[in-house]
C-alpha atoms as a PDB file:
ATOM      1  CA  MET A   1     117.894 127.307  72.751  1.00  0.00           C
ATOM      2  CA  LEU A   2     119.793 130.445  72.656  1.00  0.00           C
ATOM      3  CA  ILE A   3     123.473 130.266  71.818  1.00  0.00           C
ATOM      4  CA  ARG A   4     125.900 132.929  72.752  1.00  0.00           C
ATOM      5  CA  ASP A   5     129.146 130.940  73.298  1.00  0.00           C
ATOM      6  CA  THR A   6     130.393 127.996  71.361  1.00  0.00           C
ATOM      7  CA  SER A   7     133.252 126.971  73.492  1.00  0.00           C
ATOM      8  CA  PHE A   8     131.626 123.550  73.964  1.00  0.00           C
ATOM      9  CA  ILE A   9     133.268 122.732  70.594  1.00  0.00           C
ATOM     10  CA  GLN A  10     136.639 121.211  71.432  1.00  0.00           C
ATOM     11  CA  LEU A  11     138.362 122.150  68.150  1.00  0.00           C
ATOM     12  CA  PRO A  12     140.898 124.692  67.142  1.00  0.00           C
ATOM     13  CA  VAL A  13     139.373 128.068  66.659  1.00  0.00           C
ATOM     14  CA  PHE A  14     139.709 129.461  63.162  1.00  0.00           C
ATOM     15  CA  ILE A  15     138.109 132.772  63.801  1.00  0.00           C
ATOM     16  CA  LYS A  16     135.535 134.201  66.096  1.00  0.00           C
ATOM     17  CA  GLY A  17     133.426 137.074  64.463  1.00  0.00           C
ATOM     18  CA  LYS A  18     130.770 139.322  65.810  1.00  0.00           C
ATOM     19  CA  VAL A  19     128.018 136.739  65.083  1.00  0.00           C
ATOM     20  CA  ARG A  20     129.786 133.642  63.678  1.00  0.00           C
ATOM     21  CA  ASP A  21     132.241 131.308  65.391  1.00  0.00           C
ATOM     22  CA  VAL A  22     134.391 129.210  63.041  1.00  0.00           C
ATOM     23  CA  TYR A  23     136.407 126.050  63.903  1.00  0.00           C
ATOM     24  CA  GLU A  24     138.933 124.064  62.111  1.00  0.00           C
ATOM     25  CA  VAL A  25     137.726 120.490  61.227  1.00  0.00           C
ATOM     26  CA  GLY A  26     140.820 118.664  60.040  1.00  0.00           C
ATOM     27  CA  ASP A  27     143.083 120.251  57.299  1.00  0.00           C
ATOM     28  CA  ASP A  28     140.567 121.164  54.684  1.00  0.00           C
ATOM     29  CA  MET A  29     137.167 121.981  56.415  1.00  0.00           C
ATOM     30  CA  LEU A  30     135.618 124.425  58.742  1.00  0.00           C
ATOM     31  CA  LEU A  31     132.572 124.319  61.045  1.00  0.00           C
ATOM     32  CA  MET A  32     130.686 127.622  60.874  1.00  0.00           C
ATOM     33  CA  ILE A  33     128.205 128.351  63.717  1.00  0.00           C
ATOM     34  CA  ALA A  34     125.711 131.274  63.602  1.00  0.00           C
ATOM     35  CA  THR A  35     125.121 132.350  67.123  1.00  0.00           C
ATOM     36  CA  ASP A  36     122.235 134.507  68.456  1.00  0.00           C
ATOM     37  CA  ARG A  37     124.550 137.391  68.960  1.00  0.00           C
ATOM     38  CA  ILE A  38     123.755 140.615  67.152  1.00  0.00           C
ATOM     39  CA  SER A  39     125.979 143.591  66.218  1.00  0.00           C
ATOM     40  CA  ALA A  40     125.150 147.086  65.067  1.00  0.00           C
ATOM     41  CA  PHE A  41     127.577 149.896  64.196  1.00  0.00           C
ATOM     42  CA  ASP A  42     130.227 147.228  64.638  1.00  0.00           C
ATOM     43  CA  VAL A  43     129.510 146.772  68.327  1.00  0.00           C
ATOM     44  CA  VAL A  44     128.290 143.380  69.636  1.00  0.00           C
ATOM     45  CA  PHE A  45     125.449 143.466  72.069  1.00  0.00           C
ATOM     46  CA  ASP A  46     125.066 141.471  75.309  1.00  0.00           C
ATOM     47  CA  ASP A  47     121.416 140.855  74.478  1.00  0.00           C
ATOM     48  CA  LEU A  48     120.623 137.825  72.147  1.00  0.00           C
ATOM     49  CA  ILE A  49     118.029 137.655  69.432  1.00  0.00           C
ATOM     50  CA  PRO A  50     116.186 134.286  69.660  1.00  0.00           C
ATOM     51  CA  ASN A  51     116.344 132.184  66.528  1.00  0.00           C
ATOM     52  CA  LYS A  52     118.635 134.742  64.688  1.00  0.00           C
ATOM     53  CA  GLY A  53     121.445 132.261  64.110  1.00  0.00           C
ATOM     54  CA  LYS A  54     119.104 129.686  62.686  1.00  0.00           C
ATOM     55  CA  VAL A  55     117.545 132.166  60.250  1.00  0.00           C
ATOM     56  CA  LEU A  56     120.945 133.436  59.015  1.00  0.00           C
ATOM     57  CA  ASN A  57     122.257 129.871  58.480  1.00  0.00           C
ATOM     58  CA  SER A  58     119.063 128.588  56.814  1.00  0.00           C
ATOM     59  CA  LEU A  59     118.857 131.494  54.474  1.00  0.00           C
ATOM     60  CA  SER A  60     122.434 131.205  53.374  1.00  0.00           C
ATOM     61  CA  ALA A  61     121.885 127.448  52.721  1.00  0.00           C
ATOM     62  CA  PHE A  62     118.739 128.385  50.671  1.00  0.00           C
ATOM     63  CA  TRP A  63     120.639 130.992  48.564  1.00  0.00           C
ATOM     64  CA  PHE A  64     123.791 128.862  48.005  1.00  0.00           C
ATOM     65  CA  GLU A  65     121.525 126.226  46.443  1.00  0.00           C
ATOM     66  CA  TYR A  66     119.339 128.688  44.482  1.00  0.00           C
ATOM     67  CA  LEU A  67     122.250 130.536  43.036  1.00  0.00           C
ATOM     68  CA  SER A  68     124.577 127.637  42.397  1.00  0.00           C
ATOM     69  CA  ASP A  69     124.096 127.900  38.626  1.00  0.00           C
ATOM     70  CA  ILE A  70     125.920 131.281  38.806  1.00  0.00           C
ATOM     71  CA  ILE A  71     128.780 130.310  41.017  1.00  0.00           C
ATOM     72  CA  GLY A  72     129.878 127.470  43.304  1.00  0.00           C
ATOM     73  CA  ASN A  73     130.081 127.731  47.083  1.00  0.00           C
ATOM     74  CA  HIS A  74     131.848 126.292  50.046  1.00  0.00           C
ATOM     75  CA  LEU A  75     129.006 124.356  51.596  1.00  0.00           C
ATOM     76  CA  VAL A  76     129.573 120.643  52.355  1.00  0.00           C
ATOM     77  CA  THR A  77     126.436 119.953  54.482  1.00  0.00           C
ATOM     78  CA  THR A  78     124.121 121.506  57.085  1.00  0.00           C
ATOM     79  CA  ASP A  79     123.132 118.016  58.411  1.00  0.00           C
ATOM     80  CA  VAL A  80     124.806 117.696  61.853  1.00  0.00           C
ATOM     81  CA  SER A  81     124.373 113.859  61.763  1.00  0.00           C
ATOM     82  CA  GLU A  82     126.947 113.924  58.844  1.00  0.00           C
ATOM     83  CA  TYR A  83     129.541 115.995  60.750  1.00  0.00           C
ATOM     84  CA  PRO A  84     132.840 114.246  61.373  1.00  0.00           C
ATOM     85  CA  MET A  85     135.101 114.213  64.539  1.00  0.00           C
ATOM     86  CA  GLY A  86     132.255 113.497  67.018  1.00  0.00           C
ATOM     87  CA  LEU A  87     130.492 116.771  66.330  1.00  0.00           C
ATOM     88  CA  SER A  88     127.169 114.928  65.761  1.00  0.00           C
ATOM     89  CA  LYS A  89     126.737 114.655  69.511  1.00  0.00           C
ATOM     90  CA  PHE A  90     126.044 118.370  69.577  1.00  0.00           C
ATOM     91  CA  LYS A  91     123.103 118.058  67.291  1.00  0.00           C
ATOM     92  CA  GLU A  92     120.703 119.877  69.733  1.00  0.00           C
ATOM     93  CA  GLU A  93     123.079 122.910  69.865  1.00  0.00           C
ATOM     94  CA  LEU A  94     124.128 122.896  66.181  1.00  0.00           C
ATOM     95  CA  GLN A  95     121.216 121.742  64.004  1.00  0.00           C
ATOM     96  CA  GLY A  96     119.836 124.590  61.963  1.00  0.00           C
ATOM     97  CA  ARG A  97     122.528 127.061  62.944  1.00  0.00           C
ATOM     98  CA  SER A  98     125.775 125.512  61.509  1.00  0.00           C
ATOM     99  CA  MET A  99     127.225 124.269  58.327  1.00  0.00           C
ATOM    100  CA  LEU A 100     130.303 122.282  57.462  1.00  0.00           C
ATOM    101  CA  VAL A 101     132.166 124.063  54.677  1.00  0.00           C
ATOM    102  CA  ARG A 102     135.406 123.755  52.657  1.00  0.00           C
ATOM    103  CA  LYS A 103     138.384 125.815  53.759  1.00  0.00           C
ATOM    104  CA  LEU A 104     139.161 128.496  51.168  1.00  0.00           C
ATOM    105  CA  LYS A 105     141.810 131.081  50.318  1.00  0.00           C
ATOM    106  CA  MET A 106     139.657 134.251  50.799  1.00  0.00           C
ATOM    107  CA  VAL A 107     139.872 137.062  48.424  1.00  0.00           C
ATOM    108  CA  GLU A 108     140.869 140.355  50.077  1.00  0.00           C
ATOM    109  CA  ALA A 109     137.868 142.420  49.179  1.00  0.00           C
ATOM    110  CA  GLU A 110     134.337 142.852  50.368  1.00  0.00           C
ATOM    111  CA  CYS A 111     132.045 142.947  47.368  1.00  0.00           C
ATOM    112  CA  ILE A 112     128.900 145.151  47.593  1.00  0.00           C
ATOM    113  CA  VAL A 113     126.192 145.490  45.045  1.00  0.00           C
ATOM    114  CA  ARG A 114     123.731 148.395  45.275  1.00  0.00           C
ATOM    115  CA  GLY A 115     120.411 148.593  43.497  1.00  0.00           C
ATOM    116  CA  TYR A 116     118.955 151.376  45.609  1.00  0.00           C
ATOM    117  CA  LEU A 117     120.447 154.382  47.415  1.00  0.00           C
ATOM    118  CA  GLU A 118     120.751 153.785  51.124  1.00  0.00           C
ATOM    119  CA  GLY A 119     123.355 153.423  53.955  1.00  0.00           C
ATOM    120  CA  SER A 120     126.997 154.511  53.472  1.00  0.00           C
ATOM    121  CA  GLY A 121     126.275 154.719  49.709  1.00  0.00           C
ATOM    122  CA  LEU A 122     123.685 157.446  50.435  1.00  0.00           C
ATOM    123  CA  LYS A 123     126.224 159.325  52.654  1.00  0.00           C
ATOM    124  CA  ASP A 124     128.857 159.174  49.966  1.00  0.00           C
ATOM    125  CA  TYR A 125     126.468 160.283  47.341  1.00  0.00           C
ATOM    126  CA  LYS A 126     125.346 163.332  49.412  1.00  0.00           C
ATOM    127  CA  ALA A 127     128.889 164.250  49.943  1.00  0.00           C
ATOM    128  CA  THR A 128     130.377 163.752  46.499  1.00  0.00           C
ATOM    129  CA  GLY A 129     127.718 162.726  43.980  1.00  0.00           C
ATOM    130  CA  GLU A 130     129.537 159.426  43.695  1.00  0.00           C
ATOM    131  CA  ILE A 131     129.780 155.967  45.281  1.00  0.00           C
ATOM    132  CA  SER A 132     133.185 154.187  45.099  1.00  0.00           C
ATOM    133  CA  GLY A 133     134.120 156.483  42.267  1.00  0.00           C
ATOM    134  CA  ILE A 134     130.952 155.866  40.268  1.00  0.00           C
ATOM    135  CA  LYS A 135     129.236 159.154  39.263  1.00  0.00           C
ATOM    136  CA  LEU A 136     125.388 158.979  39.743  1.00  0.00           C
ATOM    137  CA  PRO A 137     122.593 161.254  38.448  1.00  0.00           C
ATOM    138  CA  GLU A 138     121.906 164.319  40.394  1.00  0.00           C
ATOM    139  CA  GLY A 139     118.859 164.765  42.528  1.00  0.00           C
ATOM    140  CA  LEU A 140     118.505 161.195  43.782  1.00  0.00           C
ATOM    141  CA  ARG A 141     116.622 160.708  47.036  1.00  0.00           C
ATOM    142  CA  GLN A 142     117.144 158.261  49.914  1.00  0.00           C
ATOM    143  CA  ALA A 143     115.939 154.706  48.829  1.00  0.00           C
ATOM    144  CA  ASP A 144     115.638 155.757  45.076  1.00  0.00           C
ATOM    145  CA  LYS A 145     116.320 152.939  42.725  1.00  0.00           C
ATOM    146  CA  LEU A 146     119.520 153.436  40.831  1.00  0.00           C
ATOM    147  CA  PRO A 147     119.542 153.428  36.972  1.00  0.00           C
ATOM    148  CA  GLU A 148     121.272 149.977  37.176  1.00  0.00           C
ATOM    149  CA  PRO A 149     122.871 147.990  39.979  1.00  0.00           C
ATOM    150  CA  ILE A 150     126.453 149.019  40.750  1.00  0.00           C
ATOM    151  CA  PHE A 151     129.453 147.257  42.138  1.00  0.00           C
ATOM    152  CA  THR A 152     130.963 149.163  45.008  1.00  0.00           C
ATOM    153  CA  PRO A 153     133.620 147.199  46.917  1.00  0.00           C
ATOM    154  CA  SER A 154     134.988 147.998  50.247  1.00  0.00           C
ATOM    155  CA  THR A 155     138.104 147.133  52.165  1.00  0.00           C
ATOM    156  CA  LYS A 156     137.682 144.219  54.526  1.00  0.00           C
ATOM    157  CA  ALA A 157     138.440 145.529  57.956  1.00  0.00           C
ATOM    158  CA  THR A 158     139.575 143.176  60.658  1.00  0.00           C
ATOM    159  CA  GLU A 159     138.535 145.838  63.205  1.00  0.00           C
ATOM    160  CA  GLY A 160     136.358 148.938  62.890  1.00  0.00           C
ATOM    161  CA  HIS A 161     134.376 150.051  59.907  1.00  0.00           C
ATOM    162  CA  ASP A 162     134.975 148.874  56.214  1.00  0.00           C
ATOM    163  CA  MET A 163     135.758 151.656  53.786  1.00  0.00           C
ATOM    164  CA  ASN A 164     134.201 152.100  50.400  1.00  0.00           C
ATOM    165  CA  VAL A 165     136.911 151.971  47.765  1.00  0.00           C
ATOM    166  CA  SER A 166     137.035 152.255  43.876  1.00  0.00           C
ATOM    167  CA  TYR A 167     137.061 149.300  41.457  1.00  0.00           C
ATOM    168  CA  GLU A 168     140.505 150.515  40.338  1.00  0.00           C
ATOM    169  CA  TYR A 169     141.720 150.099  43.969  1.00  0.00           C
ATOM    170  CA  VAL A 170     140.509 146.503  43.908  1.00  0.00           C
ATOM    171  CA  GLU A 171     142.171 145.836  40.457  1.00  0.00           C
ATOM    172  CA  LYS A 172     145.464 146.998  41.928  1.00  0.00           C
ATOM    173  CA  LYS A 173     144.998 144.999  45.061  1.00  0.00           C
ATOM    174  CA  ILE A 174     144.139 141.579  43.583  1.00  0.00           C
ATOM    175  CA  GLY A 175     144.652 141.850  39.860  1.00  0.00           C
ATOM    176  CA  LYS A 176     142.491 142.902  36.855  1.00  0.00           C
ATOM    177  CA  GLU A 177     141.377 139.399  35.985  1.00  0.00           C
ATOM    178  CA  LEU A 178     140.111 138.397  39.510  1.00  0.00           C
ATOM    179  CA  ALA A 179     138.671 141.868  40.121  1.00  0.00           C
ATOM    180  CA  ALA A 180     136.629 141.579  36.826  1.00  0.00           C
ATOM    181  CA  GLU A 181     135.312 138.126  37.849  1.00  0.00           C
ATOM    182  CA  LEU A 182     134.353 139.412  41.372  1.00  0.00           C
ATOM    183  CA  LYS A 183     132.319 142.230  39.691  1.00  0.00           C
ATOM    184  CA  GLU A 184     130.756 139.946  37.110  1.00  0.00           C
ATOM    185  CA  LYS A 185     129.678 137.378  39.740  1.00  0.00           C
ATOM    186  CA  SER A 186     128.507 139.907  42.320  1.00  0.00           C
ATOM    187  CA  LEU A 187     126.206 141.646  39.866  1.00  0.00           C
ATOM    188  CA  ALA A 188     124.899 138.340  38.520  1.00  0.00           C
ATOM    189  CA  LEU A 189     124.097 137.049  42.079  1.00  0.00           C
ATOM    190  CA  TYR A 190     122.320 140.366  42.919  1.00  0.00           C
ATOM    191  CA  ARG A 191     120.268 140.385  39.772  1.00  0.00           C
ATOM    192  CA  LYS A 192     118.942 136.926  40.180  1.00  0.00           C
ATOM    193  CA  ALA A 193     118.397 137.182  43.879  1.00  0.00           C
ATOM    194  CA  SER A 194     116.652 140.556  43.549  1.00  0.00           C
ATOM    195  CA  GLU A 195     114.310 139.284  40.760  1.00  0.00           C
ATOM    196  CA  TYR A 196     113.433 136.317  42.996  1.00  0.00           C
ATOM    197  CA  ALA A 197     112.937 138.582  46.036  1.00  0.00           C
ATOM    198  CA  LEU A 198     110.574 140.887  44.049  1.00  0.00           C
ATOM    199  CA  SER A 199     108.456 137.818  43.160  1.00  0.00           C
ATOM    200  CA  ARG A 200     108.056 137.345  46.943  1.00  0.00           C
ATOM    201  CA  GLY A 201     107.020 141.015  47.442  1.00  0.00           C
ATOM    202  CA  ILE A 202     110.476 142.072  48.738  1.00  0.00           C
ATOM    203  CA  ILE A 203     112.992 144.603  47.384  1.00  0.00           C
ATOM    204  CA  LEU A 204     116.525 143.584  47.722  1.00  0.00           C
ATOM    205  CA  ALA A 205     118.197 146.983  48.104  1.00  0.00           C
ATOM    206  CA  ASP A 206     121.786 146.002  48.356  1.00  0.00           C
ATOM    207  CA  SER A 207     123.979 143.128  49.597  1.00  0.00           C
ATOM    208  CA  LYS A 208     127.512 142.322  50.444  1.00  0.00           C
ATOM    209  CA  PHE A 209     129.453 139.127  49.438  1.00  0.00           C
ATOM    210  CA  GLU A 210     132.716 137.402  50.279  1.00  0.00           C
ATOM    211  CA  PHE A 211     134.512 135.170  47.826  1.00  0.00           C
ATOM    212  CA  GLY A 212     137.361 132.656  48.022  1.00  0.00           C
ATOM    213  CA  ILE A 213     139.334 130.304  45.843  1.00  0.00           C
ATOM    214  CA  LEU A 214     138.596 126.563  45.943  1.00  0.00           C
ATOM    215  CA  ASP A 215     140.534 124.273  43.676  1.00  0.00           C
ATOM    216  CA  GLY A 216     141.551 127.107  41.606  1.00  0.00           C
ATOM    217  CA  LYS A 217     138.129 128.500  41.030  1.00  0.00           C
ATOM    218  CA  LEU A 218     136.187 131.512  42.481  1.00  0.00           C
ATOM    219  CA  VAL A 219     133.470 130.511  44.897  1.00  0.00           C
ATOM    220  CA  VAL A 220     131.053 132.519  47.228  1.00  0.00           C
ATOM    221  CA  ALA A 221     131.453 132.001  50.929  1.00  0.00           C
ATOM    222  CA  ASP A 222     130.573 132.940  54.417  1.00  0.00           C
ATOM    223  CA  GLU A 223     126.838 134.103  54.147  1.00  0.00           C
ATOM    224  CA  LEU A 224     124.625 135.050  51.241  1.00  0.00           C
ATOM    225  CA  PHE A 225     121.641 137.322  51.158  1.00  0.00           C
ATOM    226  CA  THR A 226     120.889 137.279  54.851  1.00  0.00           C
ATOM    227  CA  PRO A 227     119.316 140.112  56.934  1.00  0.00           C
ATOM    228  CA  ASP A 228     122.720 140.687  58.303  1.00  0.00           C
ATOM    229  CA  SER A 229     124.444 141.075  54.825  1.00  0.00           C
ATOM    230  CA  SER A 230     121.612 142.639  52.932  1.00  0.00           C
ATOM    231  CA  ARG A 231     118.759 145.201  52.972  1.00  0.00           C
ATOM    232  CA  PHE A 232     115.351 143.804  52.427  1.00  0.00           C
ATOM    233  CA  TRP A 233     112.453 146.210  52.114  1.00  0.00           C
ATOM    234  CA  GLU A 234     108.631 145.687  51.945  1.00  0.00           C
ATOM    235  CA  LEU A 235     107.575 146.224  48.250  1.00  0.00           C
ATOM    236  CA  ALA A 236     104.085 147.059  49.150  1.00  0.00           C
ATOM    237  CA  ASP A 237     105.210 150.026  51.310  1.00  0.00           C
ATOM    238  CA  TYR A 238     108.041 151.189  49.202  1.00  0.00           C
ATOM    239  CA  LYS A 239     108.234 155.055  49.155  1.00  0.00           C
ATOM    240  CA  PRO A 240     111.491 156.739  48.068  1.00  0.00           C
ATOM    241  CA  GLY A 241     112.695 159.757  49.939  1.00  0.00           C
ATOM    242  CA  GLN A 242     112.524 158.175  53.458  1.00  0.00           C
ATOM    243  CA  PRO A 243     113.587 155.176  55.357  1.00  0.00           C
ATOM    244  CA  GLN A 244     111.813 151.921  54.326  1.00  0.00           C
ATOM    245  CA  LYS A 245     109.875 149.184  56.170  1.00  0.00           C
ATOM    246  CA  SER A 246     112.670 146.576  56.446  1.00  0.00           C
ATOM    247  CA  PHE A 247     113.315 142.952  57.317  1.00  0.00           C
ATOM    248  CA  ASP A 248     116.917 143.379  58.373  1.00  0.00           C
ATOM    249  CA  LYS A 249     118.986 145.118  61.117  1.00  0.00           C
ATOM    250  CA  GLN A 250     117.828 148.560  60.042  1.00  0.00           C
ATOM    251  CA  TYR A 251     115.026 148.534  62.509  1.00  0.00           C
ATOM    252  CA  LEU A 252     117.517 147.957  65.271  1.00  0.00           C
ATOM    253  CA  ARG A 253     119.830 150.664  63.851  1.00  0.00           C
ATOM    254  CA  GLU A 254     116.960 153.200  63.783  1.00  0.00           C
ATOM    255  CA  TYR A 255     115.952 152.386  67.379  1.00  0.00           C
ATOM    256  CA  LEU A 256     119.638 152.972  68.422  1.00  0.00           C
ATOM    257  CA  GLU A 257     119.842 156.297  66.638  1.00  0.00           C
ATOM    258  CA  THR A 258     117.192 157.485  69.032  1.00  0.00           C
ATOM    259  CA  LEU A 259     119.449 156.868  72.131  1.00  0.00           C
ATOM    260  CA  ASP A 260     122.111 159.005  73.574  1.00  0.00           C
ATOM    261  CA  TRP A 261     124.781 156.440  72.652  1.00  0.00           C
ATOM    262  CA  ASN A 262     128.177 157.171  70.927  1.00  0.00           C
ATOM    263  CA  LYS A 263     128.158 153.888  68.978  1.00  0.00           C
ATOM    264  CA  GLN A 264     131.199 152.729  71.030  1.00  0.00           C
ATOM    265  CA  PRO A 265     131.298 149.740  73.457  1.00  0.00           C
ATOM    266  CA  PRO A 266     129.616 148.956  75.842  1.00  0.00           C
ATOM    267  CA  ALA A 267     126.408 148.538  73.878  1.00  0.00           C
ATOM    268  CA  PRO A 268     123.192 149.690  75.537  1.00  0.00           C
ATOM    269  CA  LYS A 269     120.779 147.057  76.803  1.00  0.00           C
ATOM    270  CA  LEU A 270     117.823 146.311  74.511  1.00  0.00           C
ATOM    271  CA  PRO A 271     114.390 146.533  75.693  1.00  0.00           C
ATOM    272  CA  GLN A 272     112.368 143.208  75.421  1.00  0.00           C
ATOM    273  CA  ASP A 273     109.965 144.671  72.761  1.00  0.00           C
ATOM    274  CA  VAL A 274     112.982 145.600  70.506  1.00  0.00           C
ATOM    275  CA  ILE A 275     114.419 142.110  70.917  1.00  0.00           C
ATOM    276  CA  GLU A 276     111.041 140.513  70.151  1.00  0.00           C
ATOM    277  CA  LYS A 277     110.383 142.803  67.076  1.00  0.00           C
ATOM    278  CA  THR A 278     113.901 142.109  65.698  1.00  0.00           C
ATOM    279  CA  GLU A 279     113.331 138.426  66.069  1.00  0.00           C
ATOM    280  CA  LYS A 280     110.006 138.667  64.251  1.00  0.00           C
ATOM    281  CA  LYS A 281     111.682 140.587  61.378  1.00  0.00           C
ATOM    282  CA  TYR A 282     114.335 137.960  60.815  1.00  0.00           C
ATOM    283  CA  ILE A 283     111.783 135.118  60.921  1.00  0.00           C
ATOM    284  CA  GLU A 284     109.479 137.010  58.514  1.00  0.00           C
ATOM    285  CA  ALA A 285     112.359 137.511  56.113  1.00  0.00           C
ATOM    286  CA  TYR A 286     113.039 133.737  56.148  1.00  0.00           C
ATOM    287  CA  GLU A 287     109.434 132.836  55.579  1.00  0.00           C
ATOM    288  CA  ARG A 288     108.790 135.469  52.855  1.00  0.00           C
ATOM    289  CA  ILE A 289     111.864 134.445  50.920  1.00  0.00           C
ATOM    290  CA  THR A 290     111.814 130.747  51.189  1.00  0.00           C
ATOM    291  CA  GLY A 291     107.994 130.262  51.269  1.00  0.00           C
ATOM    292  CA  LYS A 292     108.431 127.845  54.164  1.00  0.00           C
ATOM    293  CA  LYS A 293     107.195 128.054  57.676  1.00  0.00           C
ATOM    294  CA  PHE A 294     110.052 128.751  60.143  1.00  0.00           C
ATOM    295  CA  GLU A 295     110.520 125.803  62.475  1.00  0.00           C
ATOM    296  CA  PRO A 296     112.731 126.769  65.509  1.00  0.00           C
END
């Protein structure tokens, strides 16, 4: 079952994002639904990617549990039969692609950790030799491994593109103590997840996180180490100096770069083979990381 629209949920809308729709469940919980919508360059496409929402949701649930020794999270349950307020009647629509979570006070910063040089970090490095104010060695190539993982926060934009900012900017925005904890937890999450991914033959090039405050403590929220929030590369084919074989949206982005499209709405229609290949990459990411067969 493909899910584009979630208006069958008769609850107050908390927020509708590019991919996730979030509803209020009482005063202290939220229902997060990962649809099969896909976005690239901040534009949402009309075409859906089969099983994408289930992969995103299942991978986040996997990582929330695996990394719970580093930091808590907002997950209550992914079992639709345990959902309150009559939501269990939507088991067919929601099972595998939704989670019931605690409502948080979100931290106003998007936390990014980079272990390799790619994406907006590569563009900034080529222009200035720095990323988010961090000076990097000269002569680095696309996809080179950095001397050590770096914390490169960005502004959380409600519309348009997020902007890379310095750590000092975040300190001024949210305070030194909270900024230090964000940096520490982000780097710890990345290091443990990247070591695990390498054991599965996958390079975790970079990832972004969002955090919130629950009962006075910092917790990780939203999604975690999914193909939408991270770059996953094939270790066996890793060759610095060029784009890498990936298990994320990079394949779709590279296809779109071949088109005469200005990266503004409306999005171009995707060919069936691009849809199918994108689906396969998401499913392969799930199976390689979790070691489990994906069951749609």
